[in-house]
Amino acid sequence: MAAENLQERGVEVALITSDADVRYLTGMPYGSLLFLLSSGLSILLPWDELLARKTASASAIIPYNDFGRNLETALKQIVKRESLVPGATIELPSDIGHLEYMRYTQVLEDFAVECRDGDLSAYLGEKRMVKEKEEIAALRRACELTNNLIDEVIAGVSMRTLKSEADVALFLEASALARGAEAIGFETLAAGPGRSFGIHAFPACSAAEFGTEGMSILDFGVNIDGYTSDVTLSFVRGETSDRQELMISLVQEAYETAASMARPGNGTCSIAKAVDELFAREDFFMPHSLGHGIGLQVHEQPIIKSASNTNVVLEPGMVITLEPGLYHADAGGVRIENDFLITGSGHEVLTNSRLIRL
């Protein structure tokens, strides 16, 4: 698959530095470089050799320490090891810095060193949009644990056994790890009524009260076997203003609209536009994308927004989030987010996030 892409583009060897791409190709969870050859051979350079030999699969595993943990040294020695002929094309990641790129062209002056958009990582990002059976199984496990935690955190906030933002965040992390998660999927965002106006509250959580009078937002995920869920719940307690009720009703309508369009053949751009237009009718604007893919990373392709240059047609096997949200400096914020598996006939909602009135 990846080697064929290199062959088609005339690349003899590509360097991969993204942890997600390395894990996708080899199973190594973190901290490694990967050289992939057009012949199909793969050379993994892990920082943790023992972990690599237990978890990873590659044609060769060579500790990065053998190269003094120096990329220049590794590049020169791998090229020599594989007997690349002068003029062979070596591809570096597109996010490498210009000064680094210039230095590596000097180090590898006998070769054609490329660093451009449309590299192997871009190709892998597209391939990773449609999940394999094993990937979907891992995401199901992550979402199952997420659903259990959703029910428990709702109970804790309702009964006031979880009183602060920090209480909620720490409960989620401890509970997820105790039940076999590799980690929390990302830093939990717990924002009580005084801070829910932020798209992503800063700091992510604090000692402030959560789930008290007004609107609170909780955004979290859990990581199982490398794959992460991503959900957002909104809590509403006490009397609400007309503006808050309008925001709530619009977000719920937007969520239902987007969910109804989450099926094969629909473009991500059209789904996002439908939500943007719904909000605009009431003079509201959503300052973030409607959703995104999830998998080995919490934000993967496709990105679901109305910009036409990001349009992707949904296919069976894609796993995406839909997360409409609105925010106001005084009224606070409200957002609902669930994870959707696109199926042959429509979609399956994997998570059970929702708006909760306390």
Protein backbone atom coordinates (compact mmCIF):
# COMPACT_ATOMS: atom_id res chain seq x y z
CA MET A 1 0.00 0.00 0.00
CA ALA A 2 2.47 2.66 1.18
CA ALA A 3 5.33 1.16 -0.83
CA GLU A 4 3.18 1.26 -3.96
CA ASN A 5 2.60 4.97 -3.37
CA LEU A 6 6.38 5.50 -3.27
CA GLN A 7 6.85 3.51 -6.46
CA GLU A 8 4.19 5.54 -8.27
CA ARG A 9 5.90 8.78 -7.27
CA GLY A 10 9.43 7.60 -7.99
CA VAL A 11 10.58 7.82 -4.36
CA GLU A 12 13.12 5.24 -3.20
CA VAL A 13 12.90 5.89 0.54
CA ALA A 14 10.66 8.04 2.75
CA LEU A 15 11.22 9.16 6.31
CA ILE A 16 8.15 9.05 8.56
CA THR A 17 8.22 10.90 11.90
CA SER A 18 4.53 11.09 12.85
CA ASP A 19 3.78 8.82 15.83
CA ALA A 20 0.32 8.08 14.41
CA ASP A 21 1.68 7.07 10.99
CA VAL A 22 4.44 4.96 12.54
CA ARG A 23 1.91 3.17 14.75
CA TYR A 24 -0.43 2.65 11.80
CA LEU A 25 2.33 0.97 9.78
CA THR A 26 4.25 -0.89 12.50
CA GLY A 27 2.31 -0.94 15.77
CA MET A 28 5.00 1.02 17.63
CA PRO A 29 3.09 3.43 19.89
CA TYR A 30 5.51 6.35 20.18
CA GLY A 31 9.01 7.74 19.97
CA SER A 32 10.32 6.25 16.72
CA LEU A 33 11.44 7.14 13.23
CA LEU A 34 10.50 4.93 10.31
CA PHE A 35 12.24 4.58 6.97
CA LEU A 36 10.01 3.00 4.33
CA LEU A 37 11.54 1.81 1.06
CA SER A 38 9.76 1.46 -2.26
CA SER A 39 10.73 -2.22 -2.16
CA GLY A 40 8.41 -2.63 0.82
CA LEU A 41 11.18 -2.92 3.41
CA SER A 42 10.73 -0.92 6.61
CA ILE A 43 13.40 0.14 9.08
CA LEU A 44 12.21 1.24 12.51
CA LEU A 45 14.46 3.40 14.68
CA PRO A 46 12.92 3.34 18.17
CA TRP A 47 14.09 5.22 21.20
CA ASP A 48 12.83 2.32 23.35
CA GLU A 49 14.20 -0.83 21.72
CA LEU A 50 12.63 -3.25 24.22
CA LEU A 51 9.17 -1.81 23.67
CA ALA A 52 9.64 -1.95 19.90
CA ARG A 53 10.62 -5.60 19.93
CA LYS A 54 7.51 -6.43 21.97
CA THR A 55 4.97 -4.31 20.08
CA ALA A 56 6.25 -3.43 16.61
CA SER A 57 6.54 -5.16 13.27
CA ALA A 58 9.17 -4.00 10.78
CA SER A 59 11.72 -5.50 8.42
CA ALA A 60 14.47 -4.25 10.72
CA ILE A 61 14.53 -2.64 14.14
CA ILE A 62 17.63 -0.59 14.89
CA PRO A 63 17.81 1.45 18.11
CA TYR A 64 17.93 5.18 17.44
CA ASN A 65 20.69 5.32 20.05
CA ASP A 66 22.91 3.43 17.58
CA PHE A 67 22.92 6.65 15.56
CA GLY A 68 23.55 8.84 18.57
CA ARG A 69 19.89 9.87 18.29
CA ASN A 70 20.98 12.15 15.46
CA LEU A 71 18.87 12.30 12.32
CA GLU A 72 21.74 13.38 10.06
CA THR A 73 23.74 10.37 11.15
CA ALA A 74 20.75 8.08 10.73
CA LEU A 75 20.01 9.37 7.23
CA LYS A 76 23.59 8.87 6.04
CA GLN A 77 23.90 5.39 7.53
CA ILE A 78 20.51 4.14 6.33
CA VAL A 79 21.30 5.34 2.80
CA LYS A 80 24.62 3.49 2.98
CA ARG A 81 23.04 0.39 4.55
CA GLU A 82 20.49 0.10 1.75
CA SER A 83 23.03 0.84 -1.00
CA LEU A 84 21.00 3.62 -2.58
CA VAL A 85 22.45 4.67 -5.89
CA PRO A 86 23.38 8.34 -6.44
CA GLY A 87 20.41 10.32 -7.72
CA ALA A 88 17.87 8.22 -5.80
CA THR A 89 14.95 10.21 -4.39
CA ILE A 90 14.70 10.52 -0.60
CA GLU A 91 11.52 12.04 0.81
CA LEU A 92 11.49 13.97 4.08
CA PRO A 93 8.29 14.90 5.97
CA SER A 94 6.57 18.00 4.60
CA ASP A 95 6.53 19.66 8.03
CA ILE A 96 10.30 19.68 8.37
CA GLY A 97 11.80 23.15 8.75
CA HIS A 98 13.42 24.93 5.80
CA LEU A 99 16.81 25.22 7.50
CA GLU A 100 16.76 21.53 8.41
CA TYR A 101 15.81 20.64 4.86
CA MET A 102 18.71 22.68 3.47
CA ARG A 103 21.10 20.98 5.85
CA TYR A 104 19.92 17.51 4.85
CA THR A 105 20.30 18.34 1.14
CA GLN A 106 23.95 19.08 1.89
CA VAL A 107 24.38 15.93 3.94
CA LEU A 108 22.82 13.90 1.12
CA GLU A 109 24.24 15.91 -1.76
CA ASP A 110 24.45 12.87 -4.07
CA PHE A 111 20.71 12.26 -3.82
CA ALA A 112 17.48 14.01 -4.76
CA VAL A 113 16.07 15.12 -1.41
CA GLU A 114 12.40 16.12 -1.54
CA CYS A 115 10.16 17.84 0.99
CA ARG A 116 6.74 18.75 -0.36
CA ASP A 117 2.98 18.61 0.07
CA GLY A 118 1.44 15.38 -1.08
CA ASP A 119 4.09 13.31 0.68
CA LEU A 120 3.66 9.84 2.14
CA SER A 121 2.10 11.18 5.34
CA ALA A 122 -0.56 12.96 3.26
CA TYR A 123 -1.29 9.69 1.49
CA LEU A 124 -1.49 7.82 4.81
CA GLY A 125 -3.82 10.47 6.21
CA GLU A 126 -6.21 9.76 3.35
CA LYS A 127 -5.92 5.99 3.77
CA ARG A 128 -6.55 6.25 7.51
CA MET A 129 -9.90 7.97 6.93
CA VAL A 130 -11.53 4.62 6.16
CA LYS A 131 -10.98 2.27 9.08
CA GLU A 132 -10.17 -1.42 8.87
CA LYS A 133 -12.18 -3.97 10.86
CA GLU A 134 -9.61 -4.06 13.70
CA GLU A 135 -9.56 -0.26 13.92
CA ILE A 136 -13.34 -0.08 14.16
CA ALA A 137 -13.25 -2.72 16.90
CA ALA A 138 -10.77 -0.62 18.90
CA LEU A 139 -12.92 2.49 18.44
CA ARG A 140 -15.98 0.56 19.58
CA ARG A 141 -14.16 -0.43 22.76
CA ALA A 142 -13.13 3.18 23.36
CA CYS A 143 -16.70 4.37 22.79
CA GLU A 144 -18.17 1.67 25.04
CA LEU A 145 -15.96 2.80 27.92
CA THR A 146 -16.79 6.41 27.10
CA ASN A 147 -20.51 5.69 27.35
CA ASN A 148 -20.06 4.10 30.77
CA LEU A 149 -18.13 7.13 31.95
CA ILE A 150 -20.76 9.48 30.54
CA ASP A 151 -23.44 7.85 32.67
CA GLU A 152 -21.25 7.96 35.76
CA VAL A 153 -20.17 11.57 35.36
CA ILE A 154 -23.78 12.66 34.81
CA ALA A 155 -24.72 10.93 38.05
CA GLY A 156 -21.78 12.51 39.89
CA VAL A 157 -22.53 16.02 38.67
CA SER A 158 -26.26 15.59 39.36
CA MET A 159 -25.69 14.41 42.93
CA ARG A 160 -22.88 16.94 43.49
CA THR A 161 -20.33 14.25 44.35
CA LEU A 162 -18.34 15.78 41.48
CA LYS A 163 -18.42 19.47 42.33
CA SER A 164 -15.55 21.15 40.52
CA GLU A 165 -14.10 21.05 37.04
CA ALA A 166 -11.01 19.34 38.45
CA ASP A 167 -13.19 16.74 40.21
CA VAL A 168 -14.75 15.81 36.89
CA ALA A 169 -11.48 15.70 34.93
CA LEU A 170 -9.62 13.66 37.55
CA PHE A 171 -12.53 11.24 37.93
CA LEU A 172 -12.56 10.59 34.19
CA GLU A 173 -8.83 10.00 33.93
CA ALA A 174 -8.63 7.72 36.98
CA SER A 175 -11.70 5.75 35.95
CA ALA A 176 -10.53 5.31 32.35
CA LEU A 177 -7.08 4.10 33.36
CA ALA A 178 -8.53 1.75 35.99
CA ARG A 179 -10.62 0.09 33.26
CA GLY A 180 -7.87 -0.56 30.79
CA ALA A 181 -7.52 2.63 28.77
CA GLU A 182 -4.05 3.53 27.54
CA ALA A 183 -4.75 7.12 28.44
CA ILE A 184 -7.30 9.88 28.29
CA GLY A 185 -7.70 10.63 24.60
CA PHE A 186 -6.66 14.25 25.08
CA GLU A 187 -6.64 16.81 27.87
CA THR A 188 -10.15 16.86 29.34
CA LEU A 189 -11.92 20.19 28.91
CA ALA A 190 -14.23 20.84 31.84
CA ALA A 191 -15.69 24.34 31.87
CA GLY A 192 -18.29 25.43 34.43
CA PRO A 193 -20.81 28.22 33.82
CA GLY A 194 -18.22 30.95 34.34
CA ARG A 195 -15.88 29.56 31.67
CA SER A 196 -18.04 27.68 29.16
CA PHE A 197 -17.94 30.65 26.76
CA GLY A 198 -14.53 29.41 25.58
CA ILE A 199 -14.39 27.09 22.59
CA HIS A 200 -11.60 25.27 24.42
CA ALA A 201 -11.47 26.54 27.97
CA PHE A 202 -8.11 27.75 29.23
CA PRO A 203 -6.89 26.27 31.43
CA ALA A 204 -8.55 23.00 30.44
CA CYS A 205 -9.99 22.63 33.93
CA SER A 206 -9.72 24.49 37.22
CA ALA A 207 -11.03 24.49 40.78
CA ALA A 208 -14.14 26.39 39.62
CA GLU A 209 -17.57 24.86 40.19
CA PHE A 210 -19.00 22.63 37.49
CA GLY A 211 -22.64 21.91 36.75
CA THR A 212 -23.97 24.76 38.84
CA GLU A 213 -26.41 27.51 37.77
CA GLY A 214 -25.99 28.13 34.03
CA MET A 215 -24.35 26.14 31.21
CA SER A 216 -21.30 23.88 31.62
CA ILE A 217 -19.33 22.03 28.92
CA LEU A 218 -17.40 18.75 29.25
CA ASP A 219 -15.24 17.55 26.33
CA PHE A 220 -13.29 14.30 26.78
CA GLY A 221 -12.22 11.03 25.18
CA VAL A 222 -10.52 7.77 26.11
CA ASN A 223 -7.77 5.90 24.28
CA ILE A 224 -8.05 2.13 23.81
CA ASP A 225 -5.30 0.31 21.89
CA GLY A 226 -4.22 3.62 20.37
CA TYR A 227 -7.68 4.72 19.17
CA THR A 228 -9.54 7.55 20.83
CA SER A 229 -13.13 8.58 21.30
CA ASP A 230 -14.18 12.24 21.46
CA VAL A 231 -17.43 13.48 23.00
CA THR A 232 -18.84 16.70 24.41
CA LEU A 233 -21.67 16.98 26.93
CA SER A 234 -23.44 20.15 27.98
CA PHE A 235 -25.01 20.53 31.42
CA VAL A 236 -27.74 23.08 32.15
CA ARG A 237 -28.90 23.84 35.69
CA GLY A 238 -31.47 26.31 36.97
CA GLU A 239 -33.31 29.04 35.15
CA THR A 240 -32.08 30.00 31.71
CA SER A 241 -32.31 33.26 29.81
CA ASP A 242 -34.04 33.61 26.45
CA ARG A 243 -30.63 33.80 24.79
CA GLN A 244 -29.45 30.60 26.46
CA GLU A 245 -32.63 28.76 25.46
CA LEU A 246 -32.21 29.93 21.88
CA MET A 247 -28.60 28.74 21.84
CA ILE A 248 -29.60 25.36 23.28
CA SER A 249 -32.43 24.83 20.80
CA LEU A 250 -30.25 25.87 17.85
CA VAL A 251 -27.43 23.51 18.84
CA GLN A 252 -29.84 20.62 19.28
CA GLU A 253 -31.43 21.34 15.90
CA ALA A 254 -28.00 21.65 14.30
CA TYR A 255 -26.93 18.32 15.78
CA GLU A 256 -30.06 16.58 14.48
CA THR A 257 -29.62 18.18 11.05
CA ALA A 258 -25.98 17.12 10.79
CA ALA A 259 -26.73 13.60 12.03
CA SER A 260 -29.47 13.17 9.43
CA MET A 261 -26.93 13.96 6.70
CA ALA A 262 -24.18 11.64 8.00
CA ARG A 263 -24.40 8.94 5.35
CA PRO A 264 -22.37 7.64 2.39
CA GLY A 265 -22.28 9.89 -0.65
CA ASN A 266 -22.80 13.15 1.23
CA GLY A 267 -20.00 15.69 1.17
CA THR A 268 -18.63 17.05 4.42
CA CYS A 269 -18.88 20.59 3.05
CA SER A 270 -22.63 20.33 2.46
CA ILE A 271 -23.24 19.02 5.99
CA ALA A 272 -21.28 21.89 7.52
CA LYS A 273 -22.99 24.45 5.30
CA ALA A 274 -26.42 23.26 6.44
CA VAL A 275 -25.44 23.91 10.06
CA ASP A 276 -23.78 27.25 9.30
CA GLU A 277 -26.92 28.41 7.50
CA LEU A 278 -29.14 27.26 10.36
CA PHE A 279 -27.12 29.31 12.86
CA ALA A 280 -26.90 32.32 10.54
CA ARG A 281 -30.69 32.59 10.36
CA GLU A 282 -30.59 33.63 14.03
CA ASP A 283 -27.42 35.72 13.64
CA PHE A 284 -25.19 33.14 15.32
CA PHE A 285 -21.81 31.94 14.10
CA MET A 286 -20.01 28.73 15.03
CA PRO A 287 -16.28 29.53 15.35
CA HIS A 288 -14.99 26.00 14.75
CA SER A 289 -15.49 23.15 12.33
CA LEU A 290 -18.58 20.98 12.63
CA GLY A 291 -16.53 17.86 13.21
CA HIS A 292 -13.59 15.70 12.18
CA GLY A 293 -12.37 12.17 11.81
CA ILE A 294 -11.04 10.24 14.81
CA GLY A 295 -8.70 7.29 15.09
CA LEU A 296 -5.07 7.11 16.13
CA GLN A 297 -5.34 10.88 16.55
CA VAL A 298 -8.19 12.83 18.03
CA HIS A 299 -8.28 15.11 14.98
CA GLU A 300 -7.93 13.28 11.70
CA GLN A 301 -9.26 13.72 8.20
CA PRO A 302 -11.87 14.48 7.14
CA ILE A 303 -12.31 17.92 8.67
CA ILE A 304 -16.00 18.78 8.44
CA LYS A 305 -16.35 22.44 7.60
CA SER A 306 -17.96 24.51 4.89
CA ALA A 307 -14.77 25.46 3.03
CA SER A 308 -15.08 23.77 -0.35
CA ASN A 309 -11.38 22.91 -0.56
CA THR A 310 -11.82 20.53 2.40
CA ASN A 311 -14.78 18.62 0.97
CA VAL A 312 -14.65 14.84 1.36
CA VAL A 313 -17.41 12.45 0.34
CA LEU A 314 -18.36 10.20 3.25
CA GLU A 315 -17.70 6.48 2.82
CA PRO A 316 -18.55 3.37 4.85
CA GLY A 317 -15.83 2.76 7.42
CA MET A 318 -15.18 6.42 8.21
CA VAL A 319 -15.53 7.38 11.88
CA ILE A 320 -16.30 11.05 12.45
CA THR A 321 -17.47 13.42 15.15
CA LEU A 322 -20.27 15.95 14.81
CA GLU A 323 -20.01 18.76 17.36
CA PRO A 324 -22.14 21.85 16.75
CA GLY A 325 -21.62 24.53 19.39
CA LEU A 326 -22.44 28.15 20.19
CA TYR A 327 -20.73 30.52 22.63
CA HIS A 328 -21.50 33.88 24.21
CA ALA A 329 -19.40 35.95 26.59
CA ASP A 330 -22.23 36.35 29.10
CA ALA A 331 -24.57 33.43 28.40
CA GLY A 332 -21.82 30.82 28.25
CA GLY A 333 -21.48 27.97 25.79
CA VAL A 334 -23.30 24.84 24.68
CA ARG A 335 -21.94 22.01 22.52
CA ILE A 336 -23.03 18.45 21.76
CA GLU A 337 -20.62 15.95 20.22
CA ASN A 338 -20.89 12.26 19.38
CA ASP A 339 -18.89 9.77 17.35
CA PHE A 340 -20.44 8.31 14.18
CA LEU A 341 -19.46 5.25 12.17
CA ILE A 342 -20.51 5.69 8.54
CA THR A 343 -22.13 2.47 7.34
CA GLY A 344 -23.33 1.21 3.98
CA SER A 345 -26.87 2.37 4.67
CA GLY A 346 -26.30 5.45 6.81
CA HIS A 347 -24.54 5.69 10.16
CA GLU A 348 -24.25 4.20 13.62
CA VAL A 349 -23.92 6.50 16.61
CA LEU A 350 -21.16 5.01 18.77
CA THR A 351 -21.44 7.34 21.76
CA ASN A 352 -24.20 8.60 23.97
CA SER A 353 -23.33 12.23 24.66
CA ARG A 354 -26.19 14.70 25.08
CA LEU A 355 -27.42 17.85 26.75
CA ILE A 356 -28.36 17.26 30.40
CA ARG A 357 -30.76 19.44 32.35
CA LEU A 358 -30.04 19.11 36.05
